Amino acid sequence: MTFDADRLVRAFDEAELHADTATLRSLLADDFQRSRSAWQGQPMELTVRASQTWVRHGGDWRLAGLQFSPLAEG
């Protein structure tokens, strides 16, 4: 899996510099995953924050770690 981390950093920097809240909201939305399913006929929903750690290896970016943290219902 390859990833252009530099492009993403530039996108965040530009959005923050210009106070572009719509772009920031869109970029941050990628950090959350929402799942819906059913267990024994009962609907279930789960929202988690996905945290990723990327490292540069041999000139490429590689995914080194991934963690899902459940968010409190509210």
N, C-alpha and C. Protein backbone atom coordinates (compact mmCIF):
# COMPACT_ATOMS: atom_id res chain seq x y z
N MET A 1 0.85 -1.16 0.00
CA MET A 1 0.00 0.00 0.00
C MET A 1 0.90 1.23 0.00
N THR A 2 0.69 2.14 -0.91
CA THR A 2 1.45 3.38 -0.93
C THR A 2 0.53 4.52 -0.53
N PHE A 3 1.13 5.58 -0.05
CA PHE A 3 0.36 6.69 0.49
C PHE A 3 1.17 7.96 0.33
N ASP A 4 0.56 9.02 -0.16
CA ASP A 4 1.24 10.29 -0.35
C ASP A 4 1.01 11.17 0.88
N ALA A 5 1.79 10.94 1.93
CA ALA A 5 1.64 11.69 3.18
C ALA A 5 1.95 13.16 2.97
N ASP A 6 2.91 13.46 2.13
CA ASP A 6 3.26 14.86 1.89
C ASP A 6 2.08 15.62 1.30
N ARG A 7 1.34 15.00 0.40
CA ARG A 7 0.17 15.64 -0.20
C ARG A 7 -0.89 15.92 0.87
N LEU A 8 -1.08 14.96 1.77
CA LEU A 8 -2.07 15.13 2.82
C LEU A 8 -1.67 16.25 3.79
N VAL A 9 -0.40 16.31 4.15
CA VAL A 9 0.09 17.37 5.03
C VAL A 9 -0.12 18.73 4.36
N ARG A 10 0.20 18.84 3.08
CA ARG A 10 -0.01 20.10 2.36
C ARG A 10 -1.48 20.49 2.34
N ALA A 11 -2.37 19.51 2.16
CA ALA A 11 -3.81 19.78 2.14
C ALA A 11 -4.27 20.32 3.49
N PHE A 12 -3.81 19.72 4.59
CA PHE A 12 -4.14 20.23 5.92
C PHE A 12 -3.59 21.64 6.11
N ASP A 13 -2.33 21.85 5.74
CA ASP A 13 -1.71 23.17 5.91
C ASP A 13 -2.47 24.24 5.14
N GLU A 14 -2.82 23.96 3.90
CA GLU A 14 -3.56 24.93 3.09
C GLU A 14 -4.92 25.24 3.68
N ALA A 15 -5.63 24.20 4.12
CA ALA A 15 -6.97 24.40 4.69
C ALA A 15 -6.89 25.21 5.98
N GLU A 16 -5.88 24.94 6.81
CA GLU A 16 -5.72 25.71 8.05
C GLU A 16 -5.32 27.14 7.77
N LEU A 17 -4.43 27.35 6.81
CA LEU A 17 -3.96 28.68 6.46
C LEU A 17 -5.12 29.57 6.00
N HIS A 18 -6.04 28.98 5.24
CA HIS A 18 -7.16 29.75 4.68
C HIS A 18 -8.44 29.59 5.48
N ALA A 19 -8.35 28.99 6.66
CA ALA A 19 -9.52 28.77 7.54
C ALA A 19 -10.66 28.12 6.75
N ASP A 20 -10.31 27.12 5.93
CA ASP A 20 -11.28 26.41 5.09
C ASP A 20 -11.89 25.26 5.90
N THR A 21 -12.93 25.57 6.66
CA THR A 21 -13.50 24.57 7.56
C THR A 21 -14.15 23.41 6.80
N ALA A 22 -14.69 23.66 5.63
CA ALA A 22 -15.31 22.57 4.87
C ALA A 22 -14.26 21.53 4.47
N THR A 23 -13.10 21.99 4.03
CA THR A 23 -12.03 21.07 3.65
C THR A 23 -11.49 20.35 4.87
N LEU A 24 -11.29 21.08 5.98
CA LEU A 24 -10.81 20.44 7.21
C LEU A 24 -11.79 19.37 7.68
N ARG A 25 -13.07 19.67 7.64
CA ARG A 25 -14.08 18.69 8.06
C ARG A 25 -14.00 17.44 7.18
N SER A 26 -13.82 17.65 5.89
CA SER A 26 -13.72 16.52 4.96
C SER A 26 -12.46 15.69 5.24
N LEU A 27 -11.33 16.35 5.47
CA LEU A 27 -10.09 15.64 5.75
C LEU A 27 -10.18 14.86 7.06
N LEU A 28 -10.79 15.46 8.08
CA LEU A 28 -10.89 14.79 9.38
C LEU A 28 -11.92 13.67 9.37
N ALA A 29 -12.90 13.74 8.49
CA ALA A 29 -13.93 12.69 8.42
C ALA A 29 -13.32 11.33 8.08
N ASP A 30 -12.18 11.34 7.42
CA ASP A 30 -11.51 10.08 7.08
C ASP A 30 -10.98 9.36 8.31
N ASP A 31 -10.89 10.05 9.46
CA ASP A 31 -10.40 9.43 10.69
C ASP A 31 -11.44 8.57 11.39
N PHE A 32 -12.70 8.66 10.96
CA PHE A 32 -13.78 7.96 11.65
C PHE A 32 -14.38 6.89 10.75
N GLN A 33 -14.75 5.78 11.37
CA GLN A 33 -15.45 4.72 10.65
C GLN A 33 -16.74 4.43 11.38
N ARG A 34 -17.81 4.31 10.61
CA ARG A 34 -19.10 3.96 11.19
C ARG A 34 -19.55 2.62 10.62
N SER A 35 -19.94 1.74 11.51
CA SER A 35 -20.36 0.39 11.11
C SER A 35 -21.78 0.14 11.60
N ARG A 36 -22.53 -0.56 10.78
CA ARG A 36 -23.88 -0.98 11.16
C ARG A 36 -24.02 -2.46 10.80
N SER A 37 -24.63 -3.19 11.72
CA SER A 37 -24.87 -4.61 11.46
C SER A 37 -26.01 -5.05 12.37
N ALA A 38 -26.22 -6.35 12.41
CA ALA A 38 -27.25 -6.90 13.30
C ALA A 38 -26.68 -8.14 13.97
N TRP A 39 -27.08 -8.34 15.22
CA TRP A 39 -26.68 -9.52 15.97
C TRP A 39 -27.94 -10.11 16.59
N GLN A 40 -28.25 -11.34 16.22
CA GLN A 40 -29.45 -12.03 16.68
C GLN A 40 -30.70 -11.16 16.49
N GLY A 41 -30.75 -10.53 15.34
CA GLY A 41 -31.92 -9.72 14.98
C GLY A 41 -31.94 -8.32 15.55
N GLN A 42 -30.95 -7.97 16.36
CA GLN A 42 -30.88 -6.63 16.98
C GLN A 42 -29.89 -5.75 16.21
N PRO A 43 -30.33 -4.56 15.79
CA PRO A 43 -29.40 -3.67 15.08
C PRO A 43 -28.27 -3.20 16.00
N MET A 44 -27.09 -3.06 15.44
CA MET A 44 -25.92 -2.59 16.18
C MET A 44 -25.24 -1.51 15.36
N GLU A 45 -24.76 -0.48 16.04
CA GLU A 45 -23.98 0.57 15.38
C GLU A 45 -22.73 0.84 16.20
N LEU A 46 -21.64 1.14 15.53
CA LEU A 46 -20.39 1.41 16.19
C LEU A 46 -19.66 2.50 15.42
N THR A 47 -19.16 3.49 16.13
CA THR A 47 -18.33 4.52 15.53
C THR A 47 -16.98 4.47 16.22
N VAL A 48 -15.93 4.40 15.42
CA VAL A 48 -14.57 4.34 15.95
C VAL A 48 -13.70 5.39 15.28
N ARG A 49 -12.67 5.78 15.99
CA ARG A 49 -11.66 6.65 15.40
C ARG A 49 -10.51 5.75 14.97
N ALA A 50 -10.07 5.92 13.75
CA ALA A 50 -8.95 5.15 13.24
C ALA A 50 -7.69 6.00 13.32
N SER A 51 -6.69 5.51 14.04
CA SER A 51 -5.39 6.19 14.14
C SER A 51 -4.38 5.38 13.35
N GLN A 52 -3.66 6.05 12.48
CA GLN A 52 -2.68 5.38 11.64
C GLN A 52 -1.29 5.94 11.89
N THR A 53 -0.30 5.07 11.85
CA THR A 53 1.09 5.48 11.94
C THR A 53 1.78 5.08 10.65
N TRP A 54 2.35 6.07 9.97
CA TRP A 54 3.03 5.85 8.70
C TRP A 54 4.51 6.14 8.87
N VAL A 55 5.36 5.36 8.21
CA VAL A 55 6.80 5.58 8.23
C VAL A 55 7.33 5.61 6.80
N ARG A 56 8.38 6.39 6.63
CA ARG A 56 9.02 6.42 5.31
C ARG A 56 10.08 5.31 5.28
N HIS A 57 10.01 4.46 4.27
CA HIS A 57 10.92 3.32 4.15
C HIS A 57 11.38 3.23 2.70
N GLY A 58 12.67 3.45 2.50
CA GLY A 58 13.20 3.36 1.13
C GLY A 58 12.56 4.34 0.17
N GLY A 59 12.19 5.51 0.65
CA GLY A 59 11.59 6.53 -0.22
C GLY A 59 10.09 6.42 -0.36
N ASP A 60 9.49 5.36 0.16
CA ASP A 60 8.04 5.17 0.10
C ASP A 60 7.45 5.28 1.49
N TRP A 61 6.17 5.58 1.56
CA TRP A 61 5.45 5.59 2.84
C TRP A 61 4.81 4.23 3.04
N ARG A 62 4.95 3.69 4.25
CA ARG A 62 4.39 2.38 4.60
C ARG A 62 3.54 2.50 5.86
N LEU A 63 2.44 1.79 5.90
CA LEU A 63 1.60 1.76 7.07
C LEU A 63 2.26 0.88 8.12
N ALA A 64 2.62 1.47 9.27
CA ALA A 64 3.32 0.74 10.32
C ALA A 64 2.38 0.28 11.43
N GLY A 65 1.28 0.97 11.61
CA GLY A 65 0.36 0.59 12.68
C GLY A 65 -1.01 1.19 12.45
N LEU A 66 -2.02 0.50 12.99
CA LEU A 66 -3.40 0.92 12.84
C LEU A 66 -4.13 0.57 14.12
N GLN A 67 -4.85 1.53 14.68
CA GLN A 67 -5.60 1.30 15.92
C GLN A 67 -7.00 1.86 15.76
N PHE A 68 -7.99 1.11 16.23
CA PHE A 68 -9.37 1.57 16.24
C PHE A 68 -9.80 1.80 17.68
N SER A 69 -10.29 2.99 17.98
CA SER A 69 -10.75 3.34 19.33
C SER A 69 -12.23 3.65 19.28
N PRO A 70 -13.06 2.92 20.03
CA PRO A 70 -14.50 3.20 20.00
C PRO A 70 -14.78 4.57 20.61
N LEU A 71 -15.74 5.27 20.02
CA LEU A 71 -16.15 6.56 20.54
C LEU A 71 -17.37 6.38 21.42
N ALA A 72 -17.45 7.18 22.46
CA ALA A 72 -18.59 7.11 23.36
C ALA A 72 -19.87 7.50 22.64
N GLU A 73 -20.93 6.80 22.96
CA GLU A 73 -22.22 7.14 22.36
C GLU A 73 -22.72 8.41 22.99
N GLY A 74 -23.34 9.24 22.21
CA GLY A 74 -23.82 10.48 22.79
C GLY A 74 -24.74 11.11 21.89
